[in-house]
C-alpha cells in the first residue's frame, strides 16, 4: 500500500531540512575558520603587551590601546611603503585590465584567423615558465632592477584572467549584436567601447579585484628586484622585514621602537596592510558573483 503523497512530501521536507541544516553548519564553520584568525590578529594589535605575553588575548582585546598603530603612523617608512603599494596596485590593475581586454576581445571573435593557436600560446604559459633566475636576468638586462616598473610590468598580464575574460565575452555578447552594429557602420573600437565593455562590467570588476588583490599581497618580486632603493619597498615587503625580525627591538626609520612583545607590532602591521583592500571589496561585491559565473561559462 502506497503512502499518501502528503506524507511523502513531509518526509522529503524533513530530509531536506536536515541536509540544509548540515550545509549551513558546515558553511558557518568554514566562515569562522577564515574569520577568527583575522579577528585574533586584530584583537592582539589593540591589546597591551602584558596580556599578549601572558597569552590571555583571544577574541576580545585586553587592556585596549592603540600604541602600536601610533608607532606605525609615526614612522615615515611605513607611510611611504603604503604609498608605493597603492601606486603600484592601481597602475598594475589598470595596465593588466587593458592588456586582458585587448587580448580577450579579438581572440573571442570567430572571424580572426589563427585565434586558436594564439590562445594556445597564452594557455601554455599557465603550465610552463622560464623560472626565477631567467626572470631576474631579464629584469637586469632591461635595466628594471630597483625601479617601480619591476613590480608592474612582469606580471601585468595573466593568462588565467585572459581565459576568464574571453569566455565571458563569448557567453555574454551575442554575435547578432555585433553584426547589427557592423551593419550600422560601427568598427571594432566602437563595438568594444560601446557594446562589449558596458555589457562586461561584472567580469571587469571581478578581474580588477583579482589583479588588485594579487598585486597588493605580493612581495616576492619586490624582495628580489628592489635591493638598493629602499624608498620603493612596498608595504608587504616592509611587513616581511618586520615579521622576520625575532628580536624585541624594531629599527624604524626615525627611531628605535622597543616593545616587550614584538607580536603586537607584527599584528598591527598585518591589520594595517589588510584594511585597505577590505574597504574596496564591498563596492564591487555585487559584481563579483555575477562576474565569476560569467567567466565560468565555456565556449
C-alpha atoms as a PDB file:
ATOM      1  CA  UNK A   1       0.000   0.000   0.000  1.00  0.00           C
ATOM      2  CA  UNK A   2       1.424   3.355  -1.050  1.00  0.00           C
ATOM      3  CA  UNK A   3       1.788   6.145   1.441  1.00  0.00           C
ATOM      4  CA  UNK A   4      -0.233   9.299   0.810  1.00  0.00           C
ATOM      5  CA  UNK A   5       1.536  11.917  -1.260  1.00  0.00           C
ATOM      6  CA  UNK A   6       1.242  14.379   1.597  1.00  0.00           C
ATOM      7  CA  UNK A   7       3.162  12.019   3.905  1.00  0.00           C
ATOM      8  CA  UNK A   8       5.951  11.620   1.320  1.00  0.00           C
ATOM      9  CA  UNK A   9       6.159  15.363   0.956  1.00  0.00           C
ATOM     10  CA  UNK A  10       6.520  15.762   4.722  1.00  0.00           C
ATOM     11  CA  UNK A  11       9.281  13.130   4.862  1.00  0.00           C
ATOM     12  CA  UNK A  12      11.107  14.700   1.935  1.00  0.00           C
ATOM     13  CA  UNK A  13      10.808  18.111   3.516  1.00  0.00           C
ATOM     14  CA  UNK A  14      12.218  16.727   6.757  1.00  0.00           C
ATOM     15  CA  UNK A  15      15.163  15.174   4.932  1.00  0.00           C
ATOM     16  CA  UNK A  16      15.825  18.388   3.053  1.00  0.00           C
ATOM     17  CA  UNK A  17      15.695  20.339   6.300  1.00  0.00           C
ATOM     18  CA  UNK A  18      18.320  18.070   7.860  1.00  0.00           C
ATOM     19  CA  UNK A  19      20.672  18.447   4.905  1.00  0.00           C
ATOM     20  CA  UNK A  20      20.006  22.170   4.803  1.00  0.00           C
ATOM     21  CA  UNK A  21      20.971  22.437   8.473  1.00  0.00           C
ATOM     22  CA  UNK A  22      24.154  20.413   7.917  1.00  0.00           C
ATOM     23  CA  UNK A  23      25.135  22.549   4.962  1.00  0.00           C
ATOM     24  CA  UNK A  24      24.522  25.713   6.974  1.00  0.00           C
ATOM     25  CA  UNK A  25      26.604  24.382   9.866  1.00  0.00           C
ATOM     26  CA  UNK A  26      29.429  23.495   7.503  1.00  0.00           C
ATOM     27  CA  UNK A  27      29.350  26.950   5.888  1.00  0.00           C
ATOM     28  CA  UNK A  28      29.296  28.638   9.302  1.00  0.00           C
ATOM     29  CA  UNK A  29      32.264  26.539  10.453  1.00  0.00           C
ATOM     30  CA  UNK A  30      34.202  27.316   7.258  1.00  0.00           C
ATOM     31  CA  UNK A  31      33.419  31.031   7.596  1.00  0.00           C
ATOM     32  CA  UNK A  32      34.556  31.091  11.209  1.00  0.00           C
ATOM     33  CA  UNK A  33      37.751  29.262  10.270  1.00  0.00           C
ATOM     34  CA  UNK A  34      38.529  32.114   7.853  1.00  0.00           C
ATOM     35  CA  UNK A  35      37.315  34.961  10.066  1.00  0.00           C
ATOM     36  CA  UNK A  36      38.533  34.065  13.554  1.00  0.00           C
ATOM     37  CA  UNK A  37      42.291  34.133  12.772  1.00  0.00           C
ATOM     38  CA  UNK A  38      41.984  37.663  11.424  1.00  0.00           C
ATOM     39  CA  UNK A  39      39.866  38.703  14.428  1.00  0.00           C
ATOM     40  CA  UNK A  40      42.520  37.264  16.735  1.00  0.00           C
ATOM     41  CA  UNK A  41      45.261  39.234  14.988  1.00  0.00           C
ATOM     42  CA  UNK A  42      43.175  42.425  15.053  1.00  0.00           C
ATOM     43  CA  UNK A  43      42.387  41.984  18.751  1.00  0.00           C
ATOM     44  CA  UNK A  44      46.029  41.319  19.565  1.00  0.00           C
ATOM     45  CA  UNK A  45      47.062  44.506  17.773  1.00  0.00           C
ATOM     46  CA  UNK A  46      44.959  46.655  20.145  1.00  0.00           C
ATOM     47  CA  UNK A  47      45.854  44.834  23.375  1.00  0.00           C
ATOM     48  CA  UNK A  48      48.528  45.702  25.906  1.00  0.00           C
ATOM     49  CA  UNK A  49      51.838  43.877  25.747  1.00  0.00           C
ATOM     50  CA  UNK A  50      51.480  42.234  29.133  1.00  0.00           C
ATOM     51  CA  UNK A  51      48.278  40.424  28.199  1.00  0.00           C
ATOM     52  CA  UNK A  52      49.757  39.281  24.884  1.00  0.00           C
ATOM     53  CA  UNK A  53      52.845  37.901  26.639  1.00  0.00           C
ATOM     54  CA  UNK A  54      50.634  36.012  29.087  1.00  0.00           C
ATOM     55  CA  UNK A  55      48.608  34.541  26.159  1.00  0.00           C
ATOM     56  CA  UNK A  56      45.389  35.992  27.568  1.00  0.00           C
ATOM     57  CA  UNK A  57      44.277  37.604  24.320  1.00  0.00           C
ATOM     58  CA  UNK A  58      41.963  35.543  22.149  1.00  0.00           C
ATOM     59  CA  UNK A  59      38.870  37.146  20.612  1.00  0.00           C
ATOM     60  CA  UNK A  60      38.478  40.188  22.843  1.00  0.00           C
ATOM     61  CA  UNK A  61      41.058  42.935  23.494  1.00  0.00           C
ATOM     62  CA  UNK A  62      42.678  43.081  26.911  1.00  0.00           C
ATOM     63  CA  UNK A  63      43.845  46.496  28.025  1.00  0.00           C
ATOM     64  CA  UNK A  64      42.718  48.330  24.880  1.00  0.00           C
ATOM     65  CA  UNK A  65      45.431  50.544  23.423  1.00  0.00           C
ATOM     66  CA  UNK A  66      46.362  51.991  20.036  1.00  0.00           C
ATOM     67  CA  UNK A  67      50.031  52.468  20.876  1.00  0.00           C
ATOM     68  CA  UNK A  68      51.210  50.084  18.148  1.00  0.00           C
ATOM     69  CA  UNK A  69      49.238  51.934  15.461  1.00  0.00           C
ATOM     70  CA  UNK A  70      50.552  55.290  16.653  1.00  0.00           C
ATOM     71  CA  UNK A  71      54.102  53.972  16.271  1.00  0.00           C
ATOM     72  CA  UNK A  72      53.309  52.733  12.765  1.00  0.00           C
ATOM     73  CA  UNK A  73      51.776  56.034  11.674  1.00  0.00           C
ATOM     74  CA  UNK A  74      54.700  57.938  13.196  1.00  0.00           C
ATOM     75  CA  UNK A  75      57.198  56.059  11.039  1.00  0.00           C
ATOM     76  CA  UNK A  76      57.742  57.711   7.659  1.00  0.00           C
ATOM     77  CA  UNK A  77      58.966  54.499   6.019  1.00  0.00           C
ATOM     78  CA  UNK A  78      55.668  52.706   6.725  1.00  0.00           C
ATOM     79  CA  UNK A  79      53.615  55.516   5.202  1.00  0.00           C
ATOM     80  CA  UNK A  80      55.969  55.700   2.227  1.00  0.00           C
ATOM     81  CA  UNK A  81      55.636  51.943   1.716  1.00  0.00           C
ATOM     82  CA  UNK A  82      51.844  52.294   1.846  1.00  0.00           C
ATOM     83  CA  UNK A  83      52.007  54.988  -0.830  1.00  0.00           C
ATOM     84  CA  UNK A  84      54.209  52.799  -3.037  1.00  0.00           C
ATOM     85  CA  UNK A  85      51.809  49.856  -2.650  1.00  0.00           C
ATOM     86  CA  UNK A  86      48.808  51.986  -3.615  1.00  0.00           C
ATOM     87  CA  UNK A  87      50.531  53.429  -6.694  1.00  0.00           C
ATOM     88  CA  UNK A  88      51.831  50.044  -7.836  1.00  0.00           C
ATOM     89  CA  UNK A  89      48.477  48.325  -7.274  1.00  0.00           C
ATOM     90  CA  UNK A  90      46.477  50.953  -9.173  1.00  0.00           C
ATOM     91  CA  UNK A  91      48.919  51.073 -12.106  1.00  0.00           C
ATOM     92  CA  UNK A  92      49.221  47.287 -12.188  1.00  0.00           C
ATOM     93  CA  UNK A  93      45.433  46.793 -12.188  1.00  0.00           C
ATOM     94  CA  UNK A  94      44.798  49.355 -14.922  1.00  0.00           C
ATOM     95  CA  UNK A  95      47.566  48.006 -17.147  1.00  0.00           C
ATOM     96  CA  UNK A  96      46.525  44.414 -16.514  1.00  0.00           C
ATOM     97  CA  UNK A  97      42.905  45.078 -17.456  1.00  0.00           C
ATOM     98  CA  UNK A  98      43.915  46.971 -20.614  1.00  0.00           C
ATOM     99  CA  UNK A  99      46.104  44.080 -21.773  1.00  0.00           C
ATOM    100  CA  UNK A 100      43.478  41.484 -20.834  1.00  0.00           C
ATOM    101  CA  UNK A 101      40.656  43.247 -22.669  1.00  0.00           C
ATOM    102  CA  UNK A 102      42.794  43.955 -25.739  1.00  0.00           C
ATOM    103  CA  UNK A 103      43.738  40.264 -25.922  1.00  0.00           C
ATOM    104  CA  UNK A 104      40.375  38.732 -24.992  1.00  0.00           C
ATOM    105  CA  UNK A 105      38.130  40.704 -27.363  1.00  0.00           C
ATOM    106  CA  UNK A 106      39.832  39.934 -30.697  1.00  0.00           C
ATOM    107  CA  UNK A 107      40.529  36.312 -29.719  1.00  0.00           C
ATOM    108  CA  UNK A 108      36.844  35.841 -28.860  1.00  0.00           C
ATOM    109  CA  UNK A 109      35.780  36.753 -32.415  1.00  0.00           C
ATOM    110  CA  UNK A 110      35.465  33.734 -34.695  1.00  0.00           C
ATOM    111  CA  UNK A 111      36.459  35.687 -37.808  1.00  0.00           C
ATOM    112  CA  UNK A 112      40.023  36.140 -36.509  1.00  0.00           C
ATOM    113  CA  UNK A 113      42.317  33.674 -38.243  1.00  0.00           C
ATOM    114  CA  UNK A 114      44.716  31.744 -36.030  1.00  0.00           C
ATOM    115  CA  UNK A 115      42.905  32.642 -32.830  1.00  0.00           C
ATOM    116  CA  UNK A 116      43.078  29.069 -31.509  1.00  0.00           C
ATOM    117  CA  UNK A 117      46.848  28.968 -31.965  1.00  0.00           C
ATOM    118  CA  UNK A 118      47.341  32.307 -30.211  1.00  0.00           C
ATOM    119  CA  UNK A 119      45.030  31.242 -27.392  1.00  0.00           C
ATOM    120  CA  UNK A 120      47.049  28.041 -27.001  1.00  0.00           C
ATOM    121  CA  UNK A 121      50.261  30.071 -26.703  1.00  0.00           C
ATOM    122  CA  UNK A 122      48.705  32.135 -23.900  1.00  0.00           C
ATOM    123  CA  UNK A 123      47.410  28.997 -22.191  1.00  0.00           C
ATOM    124  CA  UNK A 124      50.827  27.328 -22.493  1.00  0.00           C
ATOM    125  CA  UNK A 125      52.277  29.909 -20.091  1.00  0.00           C
ATOM    126  CA  UNK A 126      49.942  28.662 -17.347  1.00  0.00           C
ATOM    127  CA  UNK A 127      51.819  25.355 -17.223  1.00  0.00           C
ATOM    128  CA  UNK A 128      55.398  26.361 -18.029  1.00  0.00           C
ATOM    129  CA  UNK A 129      57.522  29.385 -17.170  1.00  0.00           C
ATOM    130  CA  UNK A 130      61.134  30.409 -17.557  1.00  0.00           C
ATOM    131  CA  UNK A 131      61.895  30.255 -13.856  1.00  0.00           C
ATOM    132  CA  UNK A 132      63.174  32.669 -11.246  1.00  0.00           C
ATOM    133  CA  UNK A 133      66.770  33.028 -12.431  1.00  0.00           C
ATOM    134  CA  UNK A 134      65.878  33.804 -16.098  1.00  0.00           C
ATOM    135  CA  UNK A 135      63.314  36.343 -14.844  1.00  0.00           C
ATOM    136  CA  UNK A 136      65.946  38.066 -12.709  1.00  0.00           C
ATOM    137  CA  UNK A 137      68.453  38.091 -15.582  1.00  0.00           C
ATOM    138  CA  UNK A 138      65.789  39.559 -17.872  1.00  0.00           C
ATOM    139  CA  UNK A 139      64.963  42.315 -15.383  1.00  0.00           C
ATOM    140  CA  UNK A 140      68.664  43.086 -15.036  1.00  0.00           C
ATOM    141  CA  UNK A 141      69.264  43.229 -18.802  1.00  0.00           C
ATOM    142  CA  UNK A 142      66.258  45.507 -19.262  1.00  0.00           C
ATOM    143  CA  UNK A 143      67.508  47.847 -16.551  1.00  0.00           C
ATOM    144  CA  UNK A 144      64.384  47.435 -14.438  1.00  0.00           C
ATOM    145  CA  UNK A 145      66.074  46.483 -11.167  1.00  0.00           C
ATOM    146  CA  UNK A 146      65.401  48.965  -8.346  1.00  0.00           C
ATOM    147  CA  UNK A 147      62.648  50.631 -10.374  1.00  0.00           C
ATOM    148  CA  UNK A 148      58.919  50.713  -9.787  1.00  0.00           C
ATOM    149  CA  UNK A 149      58.338  49.069 -13.188  1.00  0.00           C
ATOM    150  CA  UNK A 150      59.875  45.818 -11.962  1.00  0.00           C
ATOM    151  CA  UNK A 151      56.761  45.409  -9.792  1.00  0.00           C
ATOM    152  CA  UNK A 152      54.303  46.371 -12.545  1.00  0.00           C
ATOM    153  CA  UNK A 153      55.395  45.037 -15.934  1.00  0.00           C
ATOM    154  CA  UNK A 154      56.414  41.370 -15.373  1.00  0.00           C
ATOM    155  CA  UNK A 155      53.065  40.134 -14.016  1.00  0.00           C
ATOM    156  CA  UNK A 156      50.760  42.704 -15.599  1.00  0.00           C
ATOM    157  CA  UNK A 157      49.180  40.108 -17.905  1.00  0.00           C
ATOM    158  CA  UNK A 158      47.527  36.991 -16.509  1.00  0.00           C
ATOM    159  CA  UNK A 159      46.686  34.175 -18.923  1.00  0.00           C
ATOM    160  CA  UNK A 160      44.160  32.834 -16.402  1.00  0.00           C
ATOM    161  CA  UNK A 161      42.296  36.161 -16.266  1.00  0.00           C
ATOM    162  CA  UNK A 162      42.517  36.346 -20.062  1.00  0.00           C
ATOM    163  CA  UNK A 163      40.729  32.997 -20.418  1.00  0.00           C
ATOM    164  CA  UNK A 164      38.014  34.113 -17.999  1.00  0.00           C
ATOM    165  CA  UNK A 165      37.513  37.377 -19.879  1.00  0.00           C
ATOM    166  CA  UNK A 166      37.435  35.602 -23.235  1.00  0.00           C
ATOM    167  CA  UNK A 167      34.816  33.095 -22.046  1.00  0.00           C
ATOM    168  CA  UNK A 168      32.721  35.895 -20.545  1.00  0.00           C
ATOM    169  CA  UNK A 169      32.710  37.865 -23.800  1.00  0.00           C
ATOM    170  CA  UNK A 170      31.753  34.753 -25.770  1.00  0.00           C
ATOM    171  CA  UNK A 171      28.850  33.987 -23.449  1.00  0.00           C
ATOM    172  CA  UNK A 172      27.505  37.500 -22.845  1.00  0.00           C
ATOM    173  CA  UNK A 173      27.977  39.252 -26.215  1.00  0.00           C
ATOM    174  CA  UNK A 174      25.750  37.715 -28.921  1.00  0.00           C
ATOM    175  CA  UNK A 175      27.175  37.543 -32.422  1.00  0.00           C
ATOM    176  CA  UNK A 176      23.934  39.036 -33.759  1.00  0.00           C
ATOM    177  CA  UNK A 177      24.508  42.154 -31.667  1.00  0.00           C
ATOM    178  CA  UNK A 178      27.938  42.645 -33.199  1.00  0.00           C
ATOM    179  CA  UNK A 179      26.557  42.039 -36.700  1.00  0.00           C
ATOM    180  CA  UNK A 180      23.862  44.655 -36.125  1.00  0.00           C
ATOM    181  CA  UNK A 181      26.497  47.168 -35.065  1.00  0.00           C
ATOM    182  CA  UNK A 182      28.559  46.405 -38.163  1.00  0.00           C
ATOM    183  CA  UNK A 183      25.519  46.996 -40.383  1.00  0.00           C
ATOM    184  CA  UNK A 184      25.171  50.423 -38.751  1.00  0.00           C
ATOM    185  CA  UNK A 185      28.796  51.161 -39.662  1.00  0.00           C
ATOM    186  CA  UNK A 186      30.484  50.547 -36.292  1.00  0.00           C
ATOM    187  CA  UNK A 187      34.094  49.438 -36.290  1.00  0.00           C
ATOM    188  CA  UNK A 188      35.958  47.232 -33.832  1.00  0.00           C
ATOM    189  CA  UNK A 189      36.819  50.049 -31.429  1.00  0.00           C
ATOM    190  CA  UNK A 190      33.260  51.387 -31.471  1.00  0.00           C
ATOM    191  CA  UNK A 191      31.901  47.892 -30.788  1.00  0.00           C
ATOM    192  CA  UNK A 192      34.429  47.388 -27.993  1.00  0.00           C
ATOM    193  CA  UNK A 193      33.751  50.666 -26.185  1.00  0.00           C
ATOM    194  CA  UNK A 194      30.012  50.980 -26.868  1.00  0.00           C
ATOM    195  CA  UNK A 195      28.861  47.362 -26.603  1.00  0.00           C
ATOM    196  CA  UNK A 196      31.410  44.948 -25.171  1.00  0.00           C
ATOM    197  CA  UNK A 197      32.719  46.974 -22.237  1.00  0.00           C
ATOM    198  CA  UNK A 198      29.301  48.196 -20.954  1.00  0.00           C
ATOM    199  CA  UNK A 199      27.946  44.633 -21.056  1.00  0.00           C
ATOM    200  CA  UNK A 200      31.084  43.251 -19.381  1.00  0.00           C
ATOM    201  CA  UNK A 201      31.066  45.385 -16.225  1.00  0.00           C
ATOM    202  CA  UNK A 202      30.634  42.405 -13.841  1.00  0.00           C
ATOM    203  CA  UNK A 203      33.569  40.442 -15.229  1.00  0.00           C
ATOM    204  CA  UNK A 204      35.708  43.585 -15.473  1.00  0.00           C
ATOM    205  CA  UNK A 205      35.049  44.353 -11.806  1.00  0.00           C
ATOM    206  CA  UNK A 206      35.817  40.742 -10.854  1.00  0.00           C
ATOM    207  CA  UNK A 207      39.102  40.576 -12.741  1.00  0.00           C
ATOM    208  CA  UNK A 208      40.103  44.000 -11.454  1.00  0.00           C
ATOM    209  CA  UNK A 209      39.667  42.640  -7.951  1.00  0.00           C
ATOM    210  CA  UNK A 210      41.807  39.614  -8.848  1.00  0.00           C
ATOM    211  CA  UNK A 211      44.569  41.845 -10.197  1.00  0.00           C
ATOM    212  CA  UNK A 212      44.413  44.294  -7.297  1.00  0.00           C
ATOM    213  CA  UNK A 213      44.398  41.675  -4.522  1.00  0.00           C
ATOM    214  CA  UNK A 214      47.156  39.664  -6.174  1.00  0.00           C
ATOM    215  CA  UNK A 215      49.382  42.706  -6.548  1.00  0.00           C
ATOM    216  CA  UNK A 216      48.587  44.103  -3.101  1.00  0.00           C
ATOM    217  CA  UNK A 217      49.539  40.864  -1.347  1.00  0.00           C
ATOM    218  CA  UNK A 218      52.656  40.156  -3.426  1.00  0.00           C
ATOM    219  CA  UNK A 219      56.089  40.903  -2.039  1.00  0.00           C
ATOM    220  CA  UNK A 220      58.384  38.247  -3.509  1.00  0.00           C
ATOM    221  CA  UNK A 221      59.164  40.139  -6.714  1.00  0.00           C
ATOM    222  CA  UNK A 222      59.935  43.290  -4.718  1.00  0.00           C
ATOM    223  CA  UNK A 223      62.185  41.199  -2.460  1.00  0.00           C
ATOM    224  CA  UNK A 224      64.211  40.088  -5.489  1.00  0.00           C
ATOM    225  CA  UNK A 225      64.173  43.225  -7.628  1.00  0.00           C
ATOM    226  CA  UNK A 226      64.270  46.051  -5.050  1.00  0.00           C
ATOM    227  CA  UNK A 227      67.633  45.972  -3.285  1.00  0.00           C
ATOM    228  CA  UNK A 228      69.312  49.371  -3.165  1.00  0.00           C
ATOM    229  CA  UNK A 229      66.381  51.786  -3.474  1.00  0.00           C
ATOM    230  CA  UNK A 230      64.645  51.223  -0.116  1.00  0.00           C
ATOM    231  CA  UNK A 231      62.178  54.025  -0.885  1.00  0.00           C
ATOM    232  CA  UNK A 232      60.470  51.713  -3.400  1.00  0.00           C
ATOM    233  CA  UNK A 233      59.776  48.920  -0.945  1.00  0.00           C
ATOM    234  CA  UNK A 234      56.017  48.208  -0.878  1.00  0.00           C
ATOM    235  CA  UNK A 235      54.091  47.784   2.324  1.00  0.00           C
ATOM    236  CA  UNK A 236      54.079  43.989   2.112  1.00  0.00           C
ATOM    237  CA  UNK A 237      57.874  43.875   1.842  1.00  0.00           C
ATOM    238  CA  UNK A 238      58.112  46.190   4.830  1.00  0.00           C
ATOM    239  CA  UNK A 239      55.800  43.805   6.667  1.00  0.00           C
ATOM    240  CA  UNK A 240      58.025  40.903   5.650  1.00  0.00           C
ATOM    241  CA  UNK A 241      61.105  42.541   7.134  1.00  0.00           C
ATOM    242  CA  UNK A 242      59.235  43.272  10.355  1.00  0.00           C
ATOM    243  CA  UNK A 243      57.915  39.735  10.681  1.00  0.00           C
ATOM    244  CA  UNK A 244      61.287  38.023  10.182  1.00  0.00           C
ATOM    245  CA  UNK A 245      62.881  40.077  12.932  1.00  0.00           C
ATOM    246  CA  UNK A 246      62.788  37.890  16.013  1.00  0.00           C
ATOM    247  CA  UNK A 247      64.310  40.380  18.414  1.00  0.00           C
ATOM    248  CA  UNK A 248      62.340  42.669  20.687  1.00  0.00           C
ATOM    249  CA  UNK A 249      63.836  45.773  19.105  1.00  0.00           C
ATOM    250  CA  UNK A 250      62.468  47.056  15.820  1.00  0.00           C
ATOM    251  CA  UNK A 251      64.615  49.577  13.999  1.00  0.00           C
ATOM    252  CA  UNK A 252      62.302  52.033  12.279  1.00  0.00           C
ATOM    253  CA  UNK A 253      63.355  54.946  10.165  1.00  0.00           C
ATOM    254  CA  UNK A 254      63.026  57.737  12.698  1.00  0.00           C
ATOM    255  CA  UNK A 255      63.750  55.926  15.920  1.00  0.00           C
ATOM    256  CA  UNK A 256      64.160  52.569  17.599  1.00  0.00           C
ATOM    257  CA  UNK A 257      60.887  51.263  18.978  1.00  0.00           C
ATOM    258  CA  UNK A 258      61.290  48.769  21.819  1.00  0.00           C
ATOM    259  CA  UNK A 259      58.312  46.592  22.626  1.00  0.00           C
ATOM    260  CA  UNK A 260      58.089  43.984  25.337  1.00  0.00           C
ATOM    261  CA  UNK A 261      56.487  41.713  22.747  1.00  0.00           C
ATOM    262  CA  UNK A 262      57.134  42.209  19.015  1.00  0.00           C
ATOM    263  CA  UNK A 263      53.980  40.222  18.172  1.00  0.00           C
ATOM    264  CA  UNK A 264      51.903  43.325  18.902  1.00  0.00           C
ATOM    265  CA  UNK A 265      53.698  45.345  16.255  1.00  0.00           C
ATOM    266  CA  UNK A 266      53.518  42.459  13.790  1.00  0.00           C
ATOM    267  CA  UNK A 267      49.763  42.112  14.304  1.00  0.00           C
ATOM    268  CA  UNK A 268      49.174  45.838  13.909  1.00  0.00           C
ATOM    269  CA  UNK A 269      51.124  45.926  10.637  1.00  0.00           C
ATOM    270  CA  UNK A 270      49.140  42.935   9.311  1.00  0.00           C
ATOM    271  CA  UNK A 271      45.864  44.727  10.047  1.00  0.00           C
ATOM    272  CA  UNK A 272      47.247  47.973   8.653  1.00  0.00           C
ATOM    273  CA  UNK A 273      48.091  46.227   5.374  1.00  0.00           C
ATOM    274  CA  UNK A 274      44.804  44.301   5.128  1.00  0.00           C
ATOM    275  CA  UNK A 275      42.253  47.026   5.862  1.00  0.00           C
ATOM    276  CA  UNK A 276      42.692  48.999   2.566  1.00  0.00           C
ATOM    277  CA  UNK A 277      41.816  46.037   0.357  1.00  0.00           C
ATOM    278  CA  UNK A 278      38.893  45.123   2.642  1.00  0.00           C
ATOM    279  CA  UNK A 279      37.489  48.621   2.183  1.00  0.00           C
ATOM    280  CA  UNK A 280      37.397  48.178  -1.603  1.00  0.00           C
ATOM    281  CA  UNK A 281      35.626  44.822  -1.703  1.00  0.00           C
ATOM    282  CA  UNK A 282      32.116  45.986  -0.570  1.00  0.00           C
ATOM    283  CA  UNK A 283      31.881  48.408  -3.503  1.00  0.00           C
ATOM    284  CA  UNK A 284      32.311  45.646  -6.109  1.00  0.00           C
ATOM    285  CA  UNK A 285      30.716  42.768  -4.226  1.00  0.00           C
ATOM    286  CA  UNK A 286      27.514  42.984  -6.269  1.00  0.00           C
ATOM    287  CA  UNK A 287      29.518  42.377  -9.457  1.00  0.00           C
ATOM    288  CA  UNK A 288      31.714  39.626  -8.011  1.00  0.00           C
ATOM    289  CA  UNK A 289      29.303  36.655  -8.082  1.00  0.00           C
ATOM    290  CA  UNK A 290      27.805  37.607 -11.410  1.00  0.00           C
ATOM    291  CA  UNK A 291      31.231  38.107 -12.964  1.00  0.00           C
ATOM    292  CA  UNK A 292      32.513  34.809 -11.629  1.00  0.00           C
ATOM    293  CA  UNK A 293      29.529  32.969 -13.126  1.00  0.00           C
ATOM    294  CA  UNK A 294      30.024  34.650 -16.488  1.00  0.00           C
ATOM    295  CA  UNK A 295      33.683  33.692 -16.558  1.00  0.00           C
ATOM    296  CA  UNK A 296      32.846  30.092 -15.709  1.00  0.00           C
ATOM    297  CA  UNK A 297      30.816  29.537 -18.884  1.00  0.00           C
ATOM    298  CA  UNK A 298      32.791  27.647 -21.516  1.00  0.00           C
ATOM    299  CA  UNK A 299      32.631  28.180 -25.227  1.00  0.00           C
END
